[in-house]
Amino acid sequence: MPMEKKDNEKKQILLRLAPSLWKDLAAWAEDDYRSINGQIEFLLSECVRKRKSRAQKEAVMQEKFLSGEITPEEYHTWLKNRKLSEK
Protein backbone atom coordinates (compact mmCIF):
# COMPACT_ATOMS: atom_id res chain seq x y z
CA MET A 1 0.00 0.00 0.00
CA PRO A 2 1.49 3.41 -0.95
CA MET A 3 2.31 5.82 1.83
CA GLU A 4 -0.14 8.68 2.16
CA LYS A 5 1.31 12.17 2.08
CA LYS A 6 0.78 14.26 5.17
CA ASP A 7 -1.01 17.58 4.78
CA ASN A 8 1.81 19.41 6.53
CA GLU A 9 4.40 18.38 3.94
CA LYS A 10 5.52 21.17 1.67
CA LYS A 11 4.05 21.05 -1.81
CA GLN A 12 6.21 21.16 -4.89
CA ILE A 13 5.47 23.24 -7.97
CA LEU A 14 7.18 23.88 -11.25
CA LEU A 15 7.78 27.59 -11.71
CA ARG A 16 9.03 29.21 -14.88
CA LEU A 17 10.61 32.64 -14.49
CA ALA A 18 12.09 35.13 -16.90
CA PRO A 19 15.90 35.17 -16.64
CA SER A 20 15.88 38.80 -15.50
CA LEU A 21 13.40 38.01 -12.69
CA TRP A 22 15.49 35.00 -11.66
CA LYS A 23 18.59 37.21 -11.51
CA ASP A 24 16.80 39.82 -9.38
CA LEU A 25 15.39 37.17 -7.03
CA ALA A 26 18.80 35.55 -6.69
CA ALA A 27 20.40 38.87 -5.74
CA TRP A 28 17.61 39.66 -3.29
CA ALA A 29 17.80 36.19 -1.75
CA GLU A 30 21.54 36.57 -1.29
CA ASP A 31 21.04 39.97 0.40
CA ASP A 32 18.55 38.36 2.81
CA TYR A 33 20.73 35.24 3.37
CA ARG A 34 18.07 32.95 1.89
CA SER A 35 17.99 30.40 -0.89
CA ILE A 36 16.05 31.46 -3.97
CA ASN A 37 13.36 28.94 -3.04
CA GLY A 38 13.26 30.37 0.49
CA GLN A 39 12.99 33.90 -0.88
CA ILE A 40 10.09 32.99 -3.17
CA GLU A 41 8.31 31.23 -0.29
CA PHE A 42 8.90 34.25 1.97
CA LEU A 43 7.53 36.68 -0.64
CA LEU A 44 4.45 34.56 -1.32
CA SER A 45 3.78 34.19 2.42
CA GLU A 46 4.01 37.96 2.91
CA CYS A 47 1.62 38.62 0.01
CA VAL A 48 -0.93 36.13 1.35
CA ARG A 49 -0.64 37.55 4.89
CA LYS A 50 -1.24 41.10 3.61
CA ARG A 51 -4.19 39.99 1.50
CA LYS A 52 -5.81 38.27 4.49
CA SER A 53 -5.22 41.36 6.62
CA ARG A 54 -6.88 43.60 4.02
CA ALA A 55 -9.84 41.23 3.80
CA GLN A 56 -10.27 41.29 7.59
CA LYS A 57 -10.14 45.10 7.67
CA GLU A 58 -12.68 45.27 4.87
CA ALA A 59 -15.03 42.92 6.74
CA VAL A 60 -14.78 45.08 9.87
CA MET A 61 -15.51 48.26 7.92
CA GLN A 62 -18.44 46.62 6.13
CA GLU A 63 -19.89 45.53 9.45
CA LYS A 64 -19.49 49.05 10.87
CA PHE A 65 -21.21 50.46 7.80
CA LEU A 66 -24.08 47.96 7.88
CA SER A 67 -24.62 48.48 11.61
CA GLY A 68 -24.73 52.25 11.19
CA GLU A 69 -21.59 52.79 13.25
CA ILE A 70 -20.09 54.77 10.37
CA THR A 71 -21.81 56.85 7.72
CA PRO A 72 -21.96 55.93 4.04
CA GLU A 73 -19.60 58.83 3.35
CA GLU A 74 -17.04 57.52 5.85
CA TYR A 75 -17.26 54.04 4.36
CA HIS A 76 -16.86 55.28 0.78
CA THR A 77 -13.94 57.52 1.81
CA TRP A 78 -12.28 54.52 3.44
CA LEU A 79 -12.82 52.43 0.29
CA LYS A 80 -11.42 55.19 -1.91
CA ASN A 81 -8.33 55.65 0.29
CA ARG A 82 -7.76 51.90 0.45
CA LYS A 83 -7.79 51.63 -3.33
CA LEU A 84 -5.39 54.58 -3.65
CA SER A 85 -2.97 53.02 -1.17
CA GLU A 86 -2.92 49.75 -3.15
CA LYS A 87 -1.59 51.45 -6.29
PDB file of N, CA and C in Angstrom:
ATOM      1  N   MET A   1       0.851  -1.174   0.000  1.00  0.00           N
ATOM      2  CA  MET A   1       0.000   0.000   0.000  1.00  0.00           C
ATOM      3  C   MET A   1       0.900   1.241   0.000  1.00  0.00           C
ATOM      4  N   PRO A   2       0.651   2.206  -0.911  1.00  0.00           N
ATOM      5  CA  PRO A   2       1.494   3.405  -0.954  1.00  0.00           C
ATOM      6  C   PRO A   2       1.298   4.266   0.290  1.00  0.00           C
ATOM      7  N   MET A   3       2.388   4.932   0.664  1.00  0.00           N
ATOM      8  CA  MET A   3       2.308   5.820   1.826  1.00  0.00           C
ATOM      9  C   MET A   3       1.498   7.058   1.470  1.00  0.00           C
ATOM     10  N   GLU A   4       0.639   7.466   2.384  1.00  0.00           N
ATOM     11  CA  GLU A   4      -0.145   8.681   2.164  1.00  0.00           C
ATOM     12  C   GLU A   4       0.694   9.889   2.554  1.00  0.00           C
ATOM     13  N   LYS A   5       0.581  10.940   1.761  1.00  0.00           N
ATOM     14  CA  LYS A   5       1.308  12.169   2.080  1.00  0.00           C
ATOM     15  C   LYS A   5       0.581  12.906   3.196  1.00  0.00           C
ATOM     16  N   LYS A   6       1.353  13.463   4.083  1.00  0.00           N
ATOM     17  CA  LYS A   6       0.784  14.262   5.166  1.00  0.00           C
ATOM     18  C   LYS A   6       0.443  15.642   4.640  1.00  0.00           C
ATOM     19  N   ASP A   7      -0.605  16.245   5.203  1.00  0.00           N
ATOM     20  CA  ASP A   7      -1.010  17.584   4.779  1.00  0.00           C
ATOM     21  C   ASP A   7       0.026  18.644   5.115  1.00  0.00           C
ATOM     22  N   ASN A   8       0.849  18.386   6.126  1.00  0.00           N
ATOM     23  CA  ASN A   8       1.813  19.413   6.533  1.00  0.00           C
ATOM     24  C   ASN A   8       3.114  19.354   5.733  1.00  0.00           C
ATOM     25  N   GLU A   9       3.213  18.417   4.789  1.00  0.00           N
ATOM     26  CA  GLU A   9       4.398  18.377   3.936  1.00  0.00           C
ATOM     27  C   GLU A   9       4.334  19.517   2.931  1.00  0.00           C
ATOM     28  N   LYS A  10       5.484  20.081   2.643  1.00  0.00           N
ATOM     29  CA  LYS A  10       5.519  21.170   1.666  1.00  0.00           C
ATOM     30  C   LYS A  10       5.183  20.633   0.286  1.00  0.00           C
ATOM     31  N   LYS A  11       4.443  21.412  -0.455  1.00  0.00           N
ATOM     32  CA  LYS A  11       4.046  21.047  -1.814  1.00  0.00           C
ATOM     33  C   LYS A  11       5.115  21.515  -2.790  1.00  0.00           C
ATOM     34  N   GLN A  12       5.240  20.799  -3.872  1.00  0.00           N
ATOM     35  CA  GLN A  12       6.212  21.161  -4.895  1.00  0.00           C
ATOM     36  C   GLN A  12       5.480  21.668  -6.129  1.00  0.00           C
ATOM     37  N   ILE A  13       6.037  22.718  -6.734  1.00  0.00           N
ATOM     38  CA  ILE A  13       5.473  23.242  -7.972  1.00  0.00           C
ATOM     39  C   ILE A  13       6.604  23.522  -8.953  1.00  0.00           C
ATOM     40  N   LEU A  14       6.248  23.494 -10.206  1.00  0.00           N
ATOM     41  CA  LEU A  14       7.182  23.885 -11.249  1.00  0.00           C
ATOM     42  C   LEU A  14       6.912  25.355 -11.538  1.00  0.00           C
ATOM     43  N   LEU A  15       7.939  26.161 -11.514  1.00  0.00           N
ATOM     44  CA  LEU A  15       7.778  27.594 -11.709  1.00  0.00           C
ATOM     45  C   LEU A  15       8.744  28.064 -12.784  1.00  0.00           C
ATOM     46  N   ARG A  16       8.197  28.664 -13.809  1.00  0.00           N
ATOM     47  CA  ARG A  16       9.035  29.209 -14.882  1.00  0.00           C
ATOM     48  C   ARG A  16       9.143  30.719 -14.688  1.00  0.00           C
ATOM     49  N   LEU A  17      10.364  31.210 -14.704  1.00  0.00           N
ATOM     50  CA  LEU A  17      10.609  32.639 -14.495  1.00  0.00           C
ATOM     51  C   LEU A  17      11.460  33.189 -15.628  1.00  0.00           C
ATOM     52  N   ALA A  18      11.234  34.445 -15.934  1.00  0.00           N
ATOM     53  CA  ALA A  18      12.089  35.133 -16.900  1.00  0.00           C
ATOM     54  C   ALA A  18      13.501  35.210 -16.313  1.00  0.00           C
ATOM     55  N   PRO A  19      14.517  35.106 -17.146  1.00  0.00           N
ATOM     56  CA  PRO A  19      15.897  35.172 -16.644  1.00  0.00           C
ATOM     57  C   PRO A  19      16.182  36.434 -15.829  1.00  0.00           C
ATOM     58  N   SER A  20      15.628  37.559 -16.241  1.00  0.00           N
ATOM     59  CA  SER A  20      15.878  38.801 -15.498  1.00  0.00           C
ATOM     60  C   SER A  20      15.239  38.747 -14.107  1.00  0.00           C
ATOM     61  N   LEU A  21      14.050  38.147 -13.999  1.00  0.00           N
ATOM     62  CA  LEU A  21      13.401  38.006 -12.692  1.00  0.00           C
ATOM     63  C   LEU A  21      14.202  37.048 -11.817  1.00  0.00           C
ATOM     64  N   TRP A  22      14.661  35.957 -12.396  1.00  0.00           N
ATOM     65  CA  TRP A  22      15.490  35.001 -11.659  1.00  0.00           C
ATOM     66  C   TRP A  22      16.735  35.691 -11.102  1.00  0.00           C
ATOM     67  N   LYS A  23      17.380  36.498 -11.929  1.00  0.00           N
ATOM     68  CA  LYS A  23      18.594  37.206 -11.508  1.00  0.00           C
ATOM     69  C   LYS A  23      18.286  38.148 -10.345  1.00  0.00           C
ATOM     70  N   ASP A  24      17.183  38.902 -10.455  1.00  0.00           N
ATOM     71  CA  ASP A  24      16.797  39.824  -9.384  1.00  0.00           C
ATOM     72  C   ASP A  24      16.462  39.075  -8.097  1.00  0.00           C
ATOM     73  N   LEU A  25      15.727  37.970  -8.213  1.00  0.00           N
ATOM     74  CA  LEU A  25      15.388  37.171  -7.032  1.00  0.00           C
ATOM     75  C   LEU A  25      16.635  36.574  -6.386  1.00  0.00           C
ATOM     76  N   ALA A  26      17.563  36.124  -7.214  1.00  0.00           N
ATOM     77  CA  ALA A  26      18.803  35.546  -6.688  1.00  0.00           C
ATOM     78  C   ALA A  26      19.596  36.588  -5.902  1.00  0.00           C
ATOM     79  N   ALA A  27      19.680  37.797  -6.433  1.00  0.00           N
ATOM     80  CA  ALA A  27      20.402  38.869  -5.736  1.00  0.00           C
ATOM     81  C   ALA A  27      19.703  39.230  -4.433  1.00  0.00           C
ATOM     82  N   TRP A  28      18.386  39.323  -4.478  1.00  0.00           N
ATOM     83  CA  TRP A  28      17.606  39.662  -3.288  1.00  0.00           C
ATOM     84  C   TRP A  28      17.743  38.564  -2.237  1.00  0.00           C
ATOM     85  N   ALA A  29      17.657  37.317  -2.667  1.00  0.00           N
ATOM     86  CA  ALA A  29      17.797  36.191  -1.746  1.00  0.00           C
ATOM     87  C   ALA A  29      19.167  36.219  -1.073  1.00  0.00           C
ATOM     88  N   GLU A  30      20.183  36.500  -1.845  1.00  0.00           N
ATOM     89  CA  GLU A  30      21.535  36.571  -1.287  1.00  0.00           C
ATOM     90  C   GLU A  30      21.631  37.693  -0.254  1.00  0.00           C
ATOM     91  N   ASP A  31      21.036  38.843  -0.548  1.00  0.00           N
ATOM     92  CA  ASP A  31      21.036  39.965   0.400  1.00  0.00           C
ATOM     93  C   ASP A  31      20.361  39.588   1.718  1.00  0.00           C
ATOM     94  N   ASP A  32      19.318  38.759   1.626  1.00  0.00           N
ATOM     95  CA  ASP A  32      18.550  38.356   2.809  1.00  0.00           C
ATOM     96  C   ASP A  32      19.038  37.033   3.409  1.00  0.00           C
ATOM     97  N   TYR A  33      20.153  36.503   2.902  1.00  0.00           N
ATOM     98  CA  TYR A  33      20.726  35.238   3.369  1.00  0.00           C
ATOM     99  C   TYR A  33      19.720  34.086   3.273  1.00  0.00           C
ATOM    100  N   ARG A  34      19.023  34.026   2.139  1.00  0.00           N
ATOM    101  CA  ARG A  34      18.074  32.947   1.886  1.00  0.00           C
ATOM    102  C   ARG A  34      18.431  32.264   0.574  1.00  0.00           C
ATOM    103  N   SER A  35      17.918  31.047   0.415  1.00  0.00           N
ATOM    104  CA  SER A  35      17.993  30.401  -0.894  1.00  0.00           C
ATOM    105  C   SER A  35      16.953  31.082  -1.785  1.00  0.00           C
ATOM    106  N   ILE A  36      17.054  30.883  -3.074  1.00  0.00           N
ATOM    107  CA  ILE A  36      16.050  31.464  -3.975  1.00  0.00           C
ATOM    108  C   ILE A  36      14.680  30.881  -3.648  1.00  0.00           C
ATOM    109  N   ASN A  37      14.626  29.578  -3.410  1.00  0.00           N
ATOM    110  CA  ASN A  37      13.361  28.945  -3.043  1.00  0.00           C
ATOM    111  C   ASN A  37      12.805  29.564  -1.754  1.00  0.00           C
ATOM    112  N   GLY A  38      13.680  29.753  -0.773  1.00  0.00           N
ATOM    113  CA  GLY A  38      13.257  30.368   0.485  1.00  0.00           C
ATOM    114  C   GLY A  38      12.759  31.790   0.291  1.00  0.00           C
ATOM    115  N   GLN A  39      13.407  32.520  -0.608  1.00  0.00           N
ATOM    116  CA  GLN A  39      12.993  33.899  -0.885  1.00  0.00           C
ATOM    117  C   GLN A  39      11.614  33.924  -1.536  1.00  0.00           C
ATOM    118  N   ILE A  40      11.393  33.043  -2.503  1.00  0.00           N
ATOM    119  CA  ILE A  40      10.089  32.986  -3.171  1.00  0.00           C
ATOM    120  C   ILE A  40       9.004  32.611  -2.165  1.00  0.00           C
ATOM    121  N   GLU A  41       9.284  31.631  -1.308  1.00  0.00           N
ATOM    122  CA  GLU A  41       8.308  31.229  -0.292  1.00  0.00           C
ATOM    123  C   GLU A  41       8.026  32.384   0.672  1.00  0.00           C
ATOM    124  N   PHE A  42       9.067  33.101   1.079  1.00  0.00           N
ATOM    125  CA  PHE A  42       8.896  34.253   1.967  1.00  0.00           C
ATOM    126  C   PHE A  42       8.009  35.315   1.316  1.00  0.00           C
ATOM    127  N   LEU A  43       8.296  35.647   0.058  1.00  0.00           N
ATOM    128  CA  LEU A  43       7.527  36.677  -0.640  1.00  0.00           C
ATOM    129  C   LEU A  43       6.069  36.274  -0.807  1.00  0.00           C
ATOM    130  N   LEU A  44       5.835  35.029  -1.172  1.00  0.00           N
ATOM    131  CA  LEU A  44       4.455  34.560  -1.320  1.00  0.00           C
ATOM    132  C   LEU A  44       3.720  34.584   0.021  1.00  0.00           C
ATOM    133  N   SER A  45       4.396  34.169   1.086  1.00  0.00           N
ATOM    134  CA  SER A  45       3.782  34.189   2.422  1.00  0.00           C
ATOM    135  C   SER A  45       3.405  35.604   2.835  1.00  0.00           C
ATOM    136  N   GLU A  46       4.294  36.560   2.575  1.00  0.00           N
ATOM    137  CA  GLU A  46       4.008  37.959   2.905  1.00  0.00           C
ATOM    138  C   GLU A  46       2.806  38.482   2.116  1.00  0.00           C
ATOM    139  N   CYS A  47       2.742  38.164   0.847  1.00  0.00           N
ATOM    140  CA  CYS A  47       1.618  38.615   0.014  1.00  0.00           C
ATOM    141  C   CYS A  47       0.297  38.043   0.509  1.00  0.00           C
ATOM    142  N   VAL A  48       0.290  36.765   0.852  1.00  0.00           N
ATOM    143  CA  VAL A  48      -0.932  36.127   1.348  1.00  0.00           C
ATOM    144  C   VAL A  48      -1.329  36.727   2.695  1.00  0.00           C
ATOM    145  N   ARG A  49      -0.346  36.955   3.575  1.00  0.00           N
ATOM    146  CA  ARG A  49      -0.635  37.552   4.885  1.00  0.00           C
ATOM    147  C   ARG A  49      -1.268  38.931   4.723  1.00  0.00           C
ATOM    148  N   LYS A  50      -0.704  39.751   3.836  1.00  0.00           N
ATOM    149  CA  LYS A  50      -1.237  41.098   3.611  1.00  0.00           C
ATOM    150  C   LYS A  50      -2.641  41.050   3.018  1.00  0.00           C
ATOM    151  N   ARG A  51      -2.869  40.120   2.114  1.00  0.00           N
ATOM    152  CA  ARG A  51      -4.193  39.987   1.495  1.00  0.00           C
ATOM    153  C   ARG A  51      -5.234  39.606   2.544  1.00  0.00           C
ATOM    154  N   LYS A  52      -4.893  38.669   3.431  1.00  0.00           N
ATOM    155  CA  LYS A  52      -5.814  38.265   4.494  1.00  0.00           C
ATOM    156  C   LYS A  52      -6.096  39.437   5.429  1.00  0.00           C
ATOM    157  N   SER A  53      -5.063  40.205   5.743  1.00  0.00           N
ATOM    158  CA  SER A  53      -5.219  41.358   6.624  1.00  0.00           C
ATOM    159  C   SER A  53      -6.163  42.388   6.009  1.00  0.00           C
ATOM    160  N   ARG A  54      -5.991  42.658   4.708  1.00  0.00           N
ATOM    161  CA  ARG A  54      -6.880  43.602   4.023  1.00  0.00           C
ATOM    162  C   ARG A  54      -8.316  43.098   4.030  1.00  0.00           C
ATOM    163  N   ALA A  55      -8.495  41.804   3.820  1.00  0.00           N
ATOM    164  CA  ALA A  55      -9.841  41.226   3.799  1.00  0.00           C
ATOM    165  C   ALA A  55     -10.499  41.351   5.171  1.00  0.00           C
ATOM    166  N   GLN A  56      -9.732  41.150   6.237  1.00  0.00           N
ATOM    167  CA  GLN A  56     -10.272  41.287   7.586  1.00  0.00           C
ATOM    168  C   GLN A  56     -10.674  42.734   7.866  1.00  0.00           C
ATOM    169  N   LYS A  57      -9.823  43.686   7.469  1.00  0.00           N
ATOM    170  CA  LYS A  57     -10.145  45.102   7.669  1.00  0.00           C
ATOM    171  C   LYS A  57     -11.398  45.475   6.897  1.00  0.00           C
ATOM    172  N   GLU A  58     -11.513  44.964   5.681  1.00  0.00           N
ATOM    173  CA  GLU A  58     -12.683  45.267   4.869  1.00  0.00           C
ATOM    174  C   GLU A  58     -13.947  44.711   5.516  1.00  0.00           C
ATOM    175  N   ALA A  59     -13.875  43.515   6.073  1.00  0.00           N
ATOM    176  CA  ALA A  59     -15.033  42.917   6.737  1.00  0.00           C
ATOM    177  C   ALA A  59     -15.453  43.747   7.949  1.00  0.00           C
ATOM    178  N   VAL A  60     -14.481  44.239   8.699  1.00  0.00           N
ATOM    179  CA  VAL A  60     -14.781  45.076   9.869  1.00  0.00           C
ATOM    180  C   VAL A  60     -15.462  46.369   9.431  1.00  0.00           C
ATOM    181  N   MET A  61     -14.917  47.008   8.403  1.00  0.00           N
ATOM    182  CA  MET A  61     -15.509  48.263   7.925  1.00  0.00           C
ATOM    183  C   MET A  61     -16.906  48.039   7.352  1.00  0.00           C
ATOM    184  N   GLN A  62     -17.107  46.933   6.652  1.00  0.00           N
ATOM    185  CA  GLN A  62     -18.438  46.624   6.125  1.00  0.00           C
ATOM    186  C   GLN A  62     -19.430  46.452   7.263  1.00  0.00           C
ATOM    187  N   GLU A  63     -19.013  45.754   8.304  1.00  0.00           N
ATOM    188  CA  GLU A  63     -19.893  45.532   9.452  1.00  0.00           C
ATOM    189  C   GLU A  63     -20.233  46.859  10.131  1.00  0.00           C
ATOM    190  N   LYS A  64     -19.236  47.737  10.274  1.00  0.00           N
ATOM    191  CA  LYS A  64     -19.493  49.052  10.870  1.00  0.00           C
ATOM    192  C   LYS A  64     -20.475  49.849  10.019  1.00  0.00           C
ATOM    193  N   PHE A  65     -20.313  49.756   8.710  1.00  0.00           N
ATOM    194  CA  PHE A  65     -21.211  50.464   7.798  1.00  0.00           C
ATOM    195  C   PHE A  65     -22.629  49.904   7.892  1.00  0.00           C
ATOM    196  N   LEU A  66     -22.754  48.590   7.849  1.00  0.00           N
ATOM    197  CA  LEU A  66     -24.075  47.962   7.877  1.00  0.00           C
ATOM    198  C   LEU A  66     -24.786  48.161   9.212  1.00  0.00           C
ATOM    199  N   SER A  67     -24.016  48.274  10.291  1.00  0.00           N
ATOM    200  CA  SER A  67     -24.623  48.476  11.609  1.00  0.00           C
ATOM    201  C   SER A  67     -24.924  49.946  11.888  1.00  0.00           C
ATOM    202  N   GLY A  68     -24.488  50.830  11.005  1.00  0.00           N
ATOM    203  CA  GLY A  68     -24.732  52.254  11.194  1.00  0.00           C
ATOM    204  C   GLY A  68     -23.694  52.940  12.052  1.00  0.00           C
ATOM    205  N   GLU A  69     -22.647  52.220  12.413  1.00  0.00           N
ATOM    206  CA  GLU A  69     -21.592  52.789  13.253  1.00  0.00           C
ATOM    207  C   GLU A  69     -20.810  53.873  12.509  1.00  0.00           C
ATOM    208  N   ILE A  70     -20.701  53.733  11.187  1.00  0.00           N
ATOM    209  CA  ILE A  70     -20.086  54.773  10.371  1.00  0.00           C
ATOM    210  C   ILE A  70     -21.053  55.149   9.255  1.00  0.00           C
ATOM    211  N   THR A  71     -20.907  56.350   8.761  1.00  0.00           N
ATOM    212  CA  THR A  71     -21.810  56.847   7.718  1.00  0.00           C
ATOM    213  C   THR A  71     -21.407  56.291   6.353  1.00  0.00           C
ATOM    214  N   PRO A  72     -22.323  56.344   5.393  1.00  0.00           N
ATOM    215  CA  PRO A  72     -21.958  55.928   4.036  1.00  0.00           C
ATOM    216  C   PRO A  72     -20.768  56.721   3.493  1.00  0.00           C
ATOM    217  N   GLU A  73     -20.709  58.003   3.818  1.00  0.00           N
ATOM    218  CA  GLU A  73     -19.603  58.835   3.349  1.00  0.00           C
ATOM    219  C   GLU A  73     -18.268  58.354   3.927  1.00  0.00           C
ATOM    220  N   GLU A  74     -18.268  58.020   5.218  1.00  0.00           N
ATOM    221  CA  GLU A  74     -17.040  57.524   5.850  1.00  0.00           C
ATOM    222  C   GLU A  74     -16.601  56.201   5.221  1.00  0.00           C
ATOM    223  N   TYR A  75     -17.571  55.338   4.959  1.00  0.00           N
ATOM    224  CA  TYR A  75     -17.261  54.042   4.355  1.00  0.00           C
ATOM    225  C   TYR A  75     -16.691  54.218   2.951  1.00  0.00           C
ATOM    226  N   HIS A  76     -17.319  55.058   2.152  1.00  0.00           N
ATOM    227  CA  HIS A  76     -16.858  55.276   0.783  1.00  0.00           C
ATOM    228  C   HIS A  76     -15.496  55.977   0.753  1.00  0.00           C
ATOM    229  N   THR A  77     -15.256  56.877   1.704  1.00  0.00           N
ATOM    230  CA  THR A  77     -13.943  57.516   1.810  1.00  0.00           C
ATOM    231  C   THR A  77     -12.885  56.475   2.150  1.00  0.00           C
ATOM    232  N   TRP A  78     -13.215  55.581   3.081  1.00  0.00           N
ATOM    233  CA  TRP A  78     -12.281  54.517   3.441  1.00  0.00           C
ATOM    234  C   TRP A  78     -11.981  53.637   2.229  1.00  0.00           C
ATOM    235  N   LEU A  79     -13.019  53.253   1.486  1.00  0.00           N
ATOM    236  CA  LEU A  79     -12.822  52.428   0.286  1.00  0.00           C
ATOM    237  C   LEU A  79     -11.926  53.135  -0.730  1.00  0.00           C
ATOM    238  N   LYS A  80     -12.200  54.416  -0.947  1.00  0.00           N
ATOM    239  CA  LYS A  80     -11.421  55.193  -1.912  1.00  0.00           C
ATOM    240  C   LYS A  80      -9.953  55.262  -1.487  1.00  0.00           C
ATOM    241  N   ASN A  81      -9.704  55.555  -0.216  1.00  0.00           N
ATOM    242  CA  ASN A  81      -8.332  55.650   0.289  1.00  0.00           C
ATOM    243  C   ASN A  81      -7.614  54.303   0.242  1.00  0.00           C
ATOM    244  N   ARG A  82      -8.349  53.238   0.503  1.00  0.00           N
ATOM    245  CA  ARG A  82      -7.757  51.896   0.450  1.00  0.00           C
ATOM    246  C   ARG A  82      -7.303  51.580  -0.970  1.00  0.00           C
ATOM    247  N   LYS A  83      -8.136  51.900  -1.939  1.00  0.00           N
ATOM    248  CA  LYS A  83      -7.788  51.629  -3.335  1.00  0.00           C
ATOM    249  C   LYS A  83      -6.596  52.473  -3.774  1.00  0.00           C
ATOM    250  N   LEU A  84      -6.528  53.720  -3.304  1.00  0.00           N
ATOM    251  CA  LEU A  84      -5.393  54.580  -3.648  1.00  0.00           C
ATOM    252  C   LEU A  84      -4.097  54.054  -3.043  1.00  0.00           C
ATOM    253  N   SER A  85      -4.179  53.513  -1.828  1.00  0.00           N
ATOM    254  CA  SER A  85      -2.966  53.017  -1.166  1.00  0.00           C
ATOM    255  C   SER A  85      -2.467  51.714  -1.781  1.00  0.00           C
ATOM    256  N   GLU A  86      -3.320  51.008  -2.512  1.00  0.00           N
ATOM    257  CA  GLU A  86      -2.917  49.749  -3.145  1.00  0.00           C
ATOM    258  C   GLU A  86      -2.186  49.973  -4.455  1.00  0.00           C
ATOM    259  N   LYS A  87      -2.238  51.178  -4.997  1.00  0.00           N
ATOM    260  CA  LYS A  87      -1.588  51.454  -6.289  1.00  0.00           C
ATOM    261  C   LYS A  87      -0.100  51.595  -6.144  1.00  0.00           C
TER     262      LYS A  87
END
